[in-house]
Protein backbone atom coordinates (compact mmCIF):
# COMPACT_ATOMS: atom_id res chain seq x y z
CA MET A 1 -83.06 -32.92 -25.36
CA MET A 2 -81.06 -33.03 -22.06
CA ASP A 3 -78.02 -34.96 -23.75
CA LYS A 4 -77.69 -32.18 -26.45
CA LYS A 5 -77.58 -29.52 -23.68
CA THR A 6 -75.23 -31.61 -21.45
CA GLY A 7 -73.04 -32.27 -24.46
CA LYS A 8 -72.91 -28.49 -25.33
CA ARG A 9 -71.81 -27.67 -21.90
CA LYS A 10 -69.09 -30.22 -21.85
CA ILE A 11 -67.74 -28.71 -25.22
CA LEU A 12 -68.09 -25.36 -23.83
CA LYS A 13 -66.23 -26.08 -20.55
CA LEU A 14 -63.52 -27.96 -22.72
CA ILE A 15 -62.96 -24.64 -24.89
CA ILE A 16 -62.69 -22.75 -21.66
CA LEU A 17 -60.25 -24.97 -20.26
CA ILE A 18 -58.05 -25.00 -23.40
CA LEU A 19 -58.16 -21.26 -23.43
CA ALA A 20 -57.28 -21.00 -19.76
CA ALA A 21 -54.22 -23.37 -20.47
CA PHE A 22 -53.13 -21.47 -23.42
CA VAL A 23 -53.20 -17.94 -21.46
CA LEU A 24 -51.24 -19.83 -18.60
CA LEU A 25 -48.77 -21.15 -21.05
CA ILE A 26 -48.16 -17.62 -22.36
CA ILE A 27 -47.72 -16.13 -18.89
CA VAL A 28 -45.29 -18.86 -18.07
CA LEU A 29 -43.27 -18.53 -21.29
CA GLY A 30 -43.18 -14.78 -20.83
CA ASN A 31 -41.47 -15.06 -17.58
CA ILE A 32 -38.85 -17.84 -18.19
CA SER A 33 -35.31 -16.72 -18.64
CA ILE A 34 -33.72 -17.45 -22.03
CA GLU A 35 -30.50 -19.18 -21.06
CA ARG A 36 -27.69 -18.91 -23.54
CA ASN A 37 -24.28 -20.59 -23.38
CA LYS A 38 -22.47 -17.67 -24.43
CA THR A 39 -22.71 -13.85 -23.71
CA ILE A 40 -20.04 -13.06 -26.15
CA THR A 41 -21.64 -12.99 -29.55
CA ASP A 42 -21.20 -11.68 -32.89
CA ASN A 43 -24.67 -10.54 -33.14
CA THR A 44 -24.02 -6.88 -32.31
CA PRO A 45 -26.29 -4.13 -33.22
CA LYS A 46 -25.66 -2.54 -36.70
CA ASP A 47 -23.68 0.46 -35.40
CA SER A 48 -20.34 0.91 -36.82
CA ARG A 49 -18.96 2.59 -33.71
CA LEU A 50 -19.02 -0.82 -31.96
CA ALA A 51 -16.16 -1.88 -34.06
CA ASP A 52 -13.75 1.14 -33.11
CA PRO A 53 -10.90 -0.26 -30.87
CA ASP A 54 -10.86 2.93 -28.79
CA LEU A 55 -14.59 2.42 -27.71
CA LEU A 56 -14.68 1.38 -23.94
CA TYR A 57 -18.29 1.20 -23.14
CA ALA A 58 -21.57 1.12 -25.21
CA SER A 59 -25.08 1.06 -23.74
CA PHE A 60 -28.27 0.68 -25.93
CA SER A 61 -31.48 0.98 -24.06
CA ASP A 62 -34.76 0.71 -25.74
CA SER A 63 -38.37 0.72 -24.49
CA GLY A 64 -41.86 0.31 -26.04
CA LEU A 65 -43.48 2.21 -23.39
CA CYS A 66 -42.85 5.61 -24.14
CA SER A 67 -44.98 8.59 -25.12
CA ASN A 68 -43.77 11.96 -26.63
CA ASP A 69 -44.76 15.50 -25.29
CA LYS A 70 -48.02 15.13 -27.23
CA GLY A 71 -49.07 12.08 -25.41
CA GLU A 72 -48.64 10.02 -28.55
CA GLU A 73 -47.70 6.33 -27.73
CA GLY A 74 -44.39 4.81 -29.27
CA GLY A 75 -41.05 3.70 -28.29
CA CYS A 76 -37.94 5.47 -26.77
CA TYR A 77 -34.25 4.87 -26.75
CA THR A 78 -31.10 5.81 -25.19
CA TYR A 79 -27.53 5.10 -26.59
CA ILE A 80 -24.39 5.85 -24.69
CA PHE A 81 -20.76 5.44 -26.15
CA LEU A 82 -17.71 6.14 -24.15
CA TYR A 83 -14.16 5.94 -25.48
CA GLN A 84 -10.81 5.35 -23.95
CA SER A 85 -9.96 8.89 -25.06
CA GLY A 86 -12.77 10.28 -22.78
CA LYS A 87 -15.10 11.11 -25.74
CA TYR A 88 -18.68 10.66 -24.43
CA ILE A 89 -21.76 10.55 -26.64
CA TYR A 90 -25.30 10.43 -25.61
CA GLU A 91 -28.26 9.91 -28.13
CA SER A 92 -31.91 9.49 -27.42
CA GLY A 93 -35.18 9.89 -29.15
CA TRP A 94 -38.73 8.68 -29.67
CA GLN A 95 -40.55 6.75 -32.48
CA GLY A 96 -44.29 6.38 -32.94
CA ARG A 97 -46.50 5.03 -35.44
CA ASN A 98 -46.05 5.64 -39.19
CA ASP A 99 -42.25 6.05 -38.70
CA LYS A 100 -42.92 9.33 -36.81
CA LYS A 101 -39.62 10.21 -35.05
CA GLU A 102 -38.46 12.82 -32.56
CA ILE A 103 -34.68 12.83 -32.24
CA SER A 104 -33.15 14.73 -29.31
CA PRO A 105 -29.87 16.71 -29.89
CA THR A 106 -26.85 14.50 -29.56
CA ILE A 107 -24.77 15.35 -26.48
CA GLU A 108 -21.04 15.09 -26.84
CA LYS A 109 -18.47 15.73 -23.93
CA GLN A 110 -14.84 15.08 -23.09
CA LEU A 111 -14.13 13.39 -19.83
CA ASP A 112 -10.70 13.81 -18.29
CA GLN A 113 -8.51 10.94 -17.64
CA ASP A 114 -9.38 10.77 -13.85
CA MET A 115 -12.94 10.23 -14.80
CA ILE A 116 -12.09 7.38 -17.22
CA ASP A 117 -9.89 5.79 -14.67
CA LYS A 118 -12.82 5.80 -12.14
CA ILE A 119 -15.04 4.41 -14.69
CA ILE A 120 -12.77 1.75 -15.53
CA LYS A 121 -12.13 0.97 -11.77
CA GLN A 122 -15.97 0.64 -11.35
CA ILE A 123 -16.20 -1.97 -14.34
CA LYS A 124 -13.32 -3.90 -13.07
CA ASP A 125 -14.92 -3.80 -9.52
CA THR A 126 -18.16 -5.15 -10.75
CA ASP A 127 -16.23 -8.04 -12.25
CA ILE A 128 -18.74 -8.07 -15.16
CA MET A 129 -16.28 -9.05 -17.78
CA ASN A 130 -15.93 -12.42 -15.82
CA LYS A 131 -19.61 -13.06 -15.26
CA ASN A 132 -21.96 -15.14 -17.35
CA CYS A 133 -25.02 -13.01 -18.04
CA PRO A 134 -27.63 -14.77 -19.86
CA SER A 135 -30.35 -12.96 -21.60
CA THR A 136 -33.97 -12.72 -20.33
CA LEU A 137 -37.11 -12.54 -22.20
CA ASN A 138 -38.53 -9.10 -21.69
CA GLN A 139 -41.72 -7.81 -23.30
CA ASP A 140 -41.42 -3.94 -23.00
CA ALA A 141 -37.69 -2.67 -22.49
CA TRP A 142 -34.46 -4.08 -24.01
CA PHE A 143 -30.91 -3.39 -22.75
CA THR A 144 -27.67 -4.38 -24.70
CA TYR A 145 -24.05 -3.54 -23.80
CA GLN A 146 -20.58 -3.89 -24.97
CA LEU A 147 -17.33 -3.50 -23.09
CA ASN A 148 -13.98 -3.17 -24.58
CA LEU A 149 -11.40 -3.50 -21.50
CA ASP A 150 -7.94 -4.57 -21.35
CA GLY A 151 -7.92 -5.87 -24.92
CA VAL A 152 -11.12 -8.04 -24.55
CA LYS A 153 -14.43 -7.15 -26.18
CA LYS A 154 -17.53 -8.59 -24.54
CA PHE A 155 -21.18 -8.19 -25.79
CA PHE A 156 -23.94 -8.51 -23.59
CA LYS A 157 -27.26 -9.03 -25.69
CA ALA A 158 -30.89 -8.69 -25.03
CA SER A 159 -31.48 -7.77 -21.40
CA PRO A 160 -29.13 -9.70 -19.16
CA ILE A 161 -30.51 -10.98 -16.01
CA TYR A 162 -31.25 -8.66 -13.15
CA GLU A 163 -28.00 -9.32 -11.20
CA CYS A 164 -25.89 -8.12 -14.33
CA GLN A 165 -28.28 -5.54 -15.32
CA LYS A 166 -28.11 -3.88 -11.81
CA LYS A 167 -24.20 -3.67 -12.33
CA PHE A 168 -24.81 -1.94 -15.98
CA TRP A 169 -27.17 0.58 -14.46
CA GLU A 170 -24.44 1.40 -11.91
CA ILE A 171 -21.93 1.90 -14.68
CA ASP A 172 -24.45 4.00 -16.67
CA ILE A 173 -25.24 6.26 -13.42
CA LEU A 174 -21.48 6.80 -12.90
CA ILE A 175 -20.66 7.53 -16.75
CA ASN A 176 -23.61 9.87 -16.85
CA SER A 177 -22.85 11.73 -13.54
CA MET A 178 -19.16 12.07 -14.70
CA ALA A 179 -20.34 13.40 -18.08
CA GLU A 180 -22.80 16.00 -16.44
CA SER A 181 -19.81 17.38 -14.38
CA ALA A 182 -17.56 17.59 -17.54
CA ASN A 183 -17.89 21.23 -18.58
CA LEU A 184 -16.52 20.87 -22.01
CA ASN A 185 -19.23 20.34 -24.44
CA ILE A 186 -17.41 19.62 -27.80
CA ARG A 187 -20.64 19.66 -30.08
């Protein structure tokens, strides 16, 4: 009788040990950077605006941790497009279960050439075009960027590492602050 109980305890301990190892493996894999040899890729989002040669900067931010005004859970997104001509487009929205969507009005503004020059200088000062920005595994938010500067188009996919992400946030902040100060709303 004692041997059966001891055997069952050993099996139970083994099962618990295997489950603990599995949970630890999931935690470790969730926090490892996914290294990519290239940050320039042809796997761009399916948005035809990215092919526009006048597009200077595009930013796609998506999060799965958003709720709407009613408290319903879902995901939200923000897309920014800035063209060499100064045209600025800001799109945002929320999507919940059963394909329920709430789309905010698109904001379009015209930035002047001085503003565009400051943004281009900021992009060049970050030296982001010359950086290797491997993607990281991120469970709850995704950031994707495209730059088109001096005839070179570079795409940064799937949440670049924090050092690069911080540079993009600084560019986003500058672009959005310039757009807020632009009084001409063209839409």
